[in-house]
Amino acid sequence: MSLSQGARARLVPLLGTMLGEDEQISSDVARYFDHYLTQVPPLASFGLRLMVWALTWLPIVFVGRPVPASSLSIELRGAYLGRWANSRFYYLREGFFLVKTVALLGWGAHPSVRARFSMPPVAVAVAVARPGAL
């Protein structure tokens, strides 16, 4: 089961802030993330979905804004994600790094990113939603 189109659209700005990338690469990484969710065991998928939901909808708890994280300004979104990354609570901090780890898998396999670092293409490329994407 994949993310809804709306959930994926809300994930793109979070990934862009998390990875420091533009919208196109962030969108491709969100597609990779969505594809990844369909490939992992149900319990892993549930945990990742829970963390994506929490990252998206809990700015009210971390920065006092009752909006989705994708609606925050870039600066406030960075502070918001920083609070997740530096939380005193182990499960919050590790949940954030779980999402970031999966995002980095997609980021590291992205052809533009690999070209930027003069790396060869990945051995097996999986086209997720459009030609040339992850």
Protein backbone atom coordinates (compact mmCIF):
# COMPACT_ATOMS: atom_id res chain seq x y z
CA MET A 1 0.00 0.00 0.00
CA SER A 2 1.49 3.32 -1.04
CA LEU A 3 1.14 6.83 0.32
CA SER A 4 -1.72 8.95 -0.94
CA GLN A 5 -0.90 11.66 -3.45
CA GLY A 6 -1.55 14.30 -0.78
CA ALA A 7 0.71 12.59 1.75
CA ARG A 8 3.48 12.35 -0.83
CA ALA A 9 3.02 16.04 -1.73
CA ARG A 10 3.30 16.99 1.96
CA LEU A 11 6.40 14.82 2.29
CA VAL A 12 8.28 16.59 -0.54
CA PRO A 13 9.01 19.86 1.37
CA LEU A 14 10.06 17.90 4.46
CA LEU A 15 12.50 15.84 2.42
CA GLY A 16 13.76 18.96 0.67
CA THR A 17 14.56 20.58 4.00
CA MET A 18 15.96 17.37 5.45
CA LEU A 19 18.25 16.71 2.48
CA GLY A 20 18.91 20.30 1.39
CA GLU A 21 17.70 19.60 -2.14
CA ASP A 22 15.42 21.24 -4.68
CA GLU A 23 11.82 20.23 -5.26
CA GLN A 24 12.55 17.96 -8.25
CA ILE A 25 15.02 15.76 -6.41
CA SER A 26 12.86 15.83 -3.27
CA SER A 27 9.87 14.73 -5.34
CA ASP A 28 11.86 11.83 -6.80
CA VAL A 29 13.02 10.84 -3.31
CA ALA A 30 9.39 10.96 -2.09
CA ARG A 31 8.48 8.58 -4.93
CA TYR A 32 11.35 6.32 -3.88
CA PHE A 33 10.13 6.50 -0.26
CA ASP A 34 6.62 5.56 -1.40
CA HIS A 35 7.96 2.63 -3.43
CA TYR A 36 10.09 1.54 -0.47
CA LEU A 37 6.99 1.40 1.75
CA THR A 38 5.37 -1.10 -0.61
CA GLN A 39 8.43 -3.38 -0.52
CA VAL A 40 9.11 -3.71 3.22
CA PRO A 41 7.32 -6.01 5.68
CA PRO A 42 4.02 -4.70 7.10
CA LEU A 43 5.42 -3.84 10.54
CA ALA A 44 8.26 -1.78 9.05
CA SER A 45 5.82 -0.09 6.69
CA PHE A 46 3.52 0.73 9.62
CA GLY A 47 6.37 2.28 11.62
CA LEU A 48 7.55 4.40 8.69
CA ARG A 49 4.01 5.54 7.90
CA LEU A 50 3.49 6.46 11.55
CA MET A 51 6.67 8.54 11.52
CA VAL A 52 5.75 10.28 8.25
CA TRP A 53 2.35 11.10 9.76
CA ALA A 54 3.99 12.40 12.96
CA LEU A 55 6.55 14.51 11.08
CA THR A 56 3.80 15.95 8.91
CA TRP A 57 1.17 16.74 11.51
CA LEU A 58 2.95 17.54 14.79
CA PRO A 59 4.35 21.07 14.36
CA ILE A 60 1.81 22.14 17.01
CA VAL A 61 3.77 20.10 19.56
CA PHE A 62 7.29 21.12 18.53
CA VAL A 63 6.96 24.71 17.25
CA GLY A 64 3.45 25.72 18.31
CA ARG A 65 1.97 25.99 14.80
CA PRO A 66 -1.29 24.11 14.03
CA VAL A 67 -0.45 23.48 10.37
CA PRO A 68 1.15 20.61 8.45
CA ALA A 69 4.95 20.78 8.46
CA SER A 70 4.94 21.33 4.70
CA SER A 71 3.19 24.69 5.31
CA LEU A 72 5.90 26.02 7.63
CA SER A 73 8.44 28.54 6.34
CA ILE A 74 11.78 27.04 5.35
CA GLU A 75 13.47 28.47 8.44
CA LEU A 76 10.77 27.25 10.82
CA ARG A 77 10.66 23.86 9.07
CA GLY A 78 14.41 23.54 9.62
CA ALA A 79 14.00 24.38 13.31
CA TYR A 80 11.11 21.91 13.53
CA LEU A 81 13.14 19.07 12.04
CA GLY A 82 16.05 20.05 14.28
CA ARG A 83 13.86 19.55 17.31
CA TRP A 84 13.02 16.04 16.11
CA ALA A 85 16.69 15.27 15.44
CA ASN A 86 17.81 16.58 18.85
CA SER A 87 14.91 15.35 20.96
CA ARG A 88 15.66 14.10 24.47
CA PHE A 89 13.30 11.22 23.80
CA TYR A 90 14.94 8.26 22.14
CA TYR A 91 11.92 7.09 20.11
CA LEU A 92 11.26 10.54 18.64
CA ARG A 93 14.90 11.03 17.71
CA GLU A 94 15.30 7.53 16.26
CA GLY A 95 11.98 7.74 14.40
CA PHE A 96 13.23 10.90 12.71
CA PHE A 97 16.50 9.20 11.76
CA LEU A 98 14.60 6.19 10.42
CA VAL A 99 12.74 8.44 7.98
CA LYS A 100 15.95 10.26 7.12
CA THR A 101 17.79 6.97 6.50
CA VAL A 102 15.19 5.77 4.01
CA ALA A 103 15.21 9.19 2.35
CA LEU A 104 19.01 9.04 2.07
CA LEU A 105 18.76 5.67 0.32
CA GLY A 106 16.67 7.30 -2.40
CA TRP A 107 18.82 10.43 -2.44
CA GLY A 108 22.04 8.46 -2.86
CA ALA A 109 20.59 6.49 -5.76
CA HIS A 110 19.32 9.58 -7.59
CA PRO A 111 21.12 10.04 -10.94
CA SER A 112 21.58 13.81 -10.48
CA VAL A 113 23.07 13.40 -7.03
CA ARG A 114 25.39 10.63 -8.20
CA ALA A 115 26.52 12.76 -11.15
CA ARG A 116 27.18 15.70 -8.80
CA PHE A 117 29.63 13.53 -6.87
CA SER A 118 31.11 11.94 -10.03
CA MET A 119 29.77 8.55 -9.04
CA PRO A 120 28.77 5.87 -11.53
CA PRO A 121 25.10 4.99 -11.90
CA VAL A 122 23.65 2.44 -9.51
CA ALA A 123 23.97 -1.17 -10.63
CA VAL A 124 20.22 -1.66 -10.83
CA ALA A 125 17.99 1.33 -11.46
CA VAL A 126 14.31 1.03 -10.59
CA ALA A 127 12.00 3.35 -12.53
CA VAL A 128 9.37 4.40 -10.00
CA ALA A 129 7.01 6.83 -11.65
CA ARG A 130 8.64 8.30 -14.70
CA PRO A 131 11.62 7.54 -16.93
CA GLY A 132 14.88 8.84 -15.48
CA ALA A 133 13.60 8.78 -11.90
CA LEU A 134 15.02 6.51 -9.27
